[in-house]
């Protein structure tokens, strides 16, 4: 069903994305107060698996849409 490179991509991208987004939201909401890292980690534990799952589900359609848009833009620029 899923190929290993696609899963590794989703795992790595999901890790970076979930760390960045949950850290930004945690710092925005509570700042670097005492125990902020536990609040961040609690949010990240939920976000990381969800991010990986979403990347694996949406990646094929995102690639198709990207290719379509690039094709349209390149045709527009050559005419």
Protein backbone atom coordinates (compact mmCIF):
# COMPACT_ATOMS: atom_id res chain seq x y z
CA UNK A 1 0.00 0.00 0.00
CA UNK A 2 2.58 2.61 1.11
CA UNK A 3 6.13 2.54 -0.17
CA UNK A 4 8.99 2.87 2.30
CA UNK A 5 10.36 6.17 0.86
CA UNK A 6 6.89 7.73 1.16
CA UNK A 7 6.60 6.61 4.78
CA UNK A 8 10.09 7.90 5.65
CA UNK A 9 9.29 11.23 3.98
CA UNK A 10 6.04 11.48 5.97
CA UNK A 11 7.82 10.59 9.22
CA UNK A 12 10.58 13.17 8.73
CA UNK A 13 8.32 15.94 7.41
CA UNK A 14 5.75 15.20 10.10
CA UNK A 15 8.42 15.41 12.77
CA UNK A 16 9.73 18.79 11.62
CA UNK A 17 6.29 20.21 10.95
CA UNK A 18 4.76 19.04 14.24
CA UNK A 19 7.71 20.25 16.32
CA UNK A 20 7.65 23.68 14.66
CA UNK A 21 3.89 24.23 14.82
CA UNK A 22 3.36 22.92 18.36
CA UNK A 23 6.37 24.87 19.65
CA UNK A 24 5.14 28.09 18.03
CA UNK A 25 1.61 27.69 19.40
CA UNK A 26 2.84 26.70 22.87
CA UNK A 27 5.19 29.68 23.11
CA UNK A 28 2.48 32.00 21.77
CA UNK A 29 -0.12 30.75 24.26
CA UNK A 30 1.93 30.37 27.47
CA UNK A 31 5.39 31.70 26.67
CA UNK A 32 8.49 30.16 28.20
CA UNK A 33 6.88 29.91 31.62
CA UNK A 34 7.63 27.16 34.10
CA UNK A 35 6.71 23.80 32.65
CA UNK A 36 6.21 25.06 29.08
CA UNK A 37 8.12 22.09 27.73
CA UNK A 38 5.58 19.67 29.24
CA UNK A 39 2.72 21.54 27.61
CA UNK A 40 4.58 21.47 24.31
CA UNK A 41 5.38 17.76 24.62
CA UNK A 42 1.77 16.92 25.48
CA UNK A 43 0.57 18.73 22.34
CA UNK A 44 3.32 17.20 20.22
CA UNK A 45 2.41 13.64 21.26
CA UNK A 46 -1.00 14.14 19.65
CA UNK A 47 0.16 16.20 16.68
CA UNK A 48 3.03 14.05 15.41
CA UNK A 49 1.08 10.89 14.55
CA UNK A 50 -1.70 13.00 13.07
CA UNK A 51 0.78 14.95 10.93
CA UNK A 52 2.36 11.74 9.59
CA UNK A 53 -1.05 10.29 8.78
CA UNK A 54 -2.18 13.48 7.00
CA UNK A 55 1.02 13.67 4.95
CA UNK A 56 0.62 10.05 3.85
CA UNK A 57 -3.02 10.62 2.89
CA UNK A 58 -2.72 14.03 1.23
CA UNK A 59 0.71 13.73 -0.44
CA UNK A 60 -0.49 12.02 -3.66
CA UNK A 61 -3.18 14.63 -4.33
CA UNK A 62 -0.81 17.46 -3.36
CA UNK A 63 1.76 16.18 -5.87
CA UNK A 64 -0.89 15.98 -8.60
CA UNK A 65 -2.16 19.48 -7.85
CA UNK A 66 1.39 20.85 -7.77
CA UNK A 67 2.21 19.27 -11.13
CA UNK A 68 -1.01 20.64 -12.61
CA UNK A 69 -0.33 24.18 -11.35
CA UNK A 70 3.30 24.15 -12.48
CA UNK A 71 2.20 22.92 -15.91
CA UNK A 72 -0.41 25.69 -16.18
CA UNK A 73 2.03 28.36 -15.01
CA UNK A 74 4.78 27.22 -17.37
CA UNK A 75 2.38 27.24 -20.34
CA UNK A 76 1.20 30.73 -19.39
CA UNK A 77 4.76 32.03 -19.19
CA UNK A 78 5.75 30.58 -22.57
CA UNK A 79 2.84 32.10 -24.48
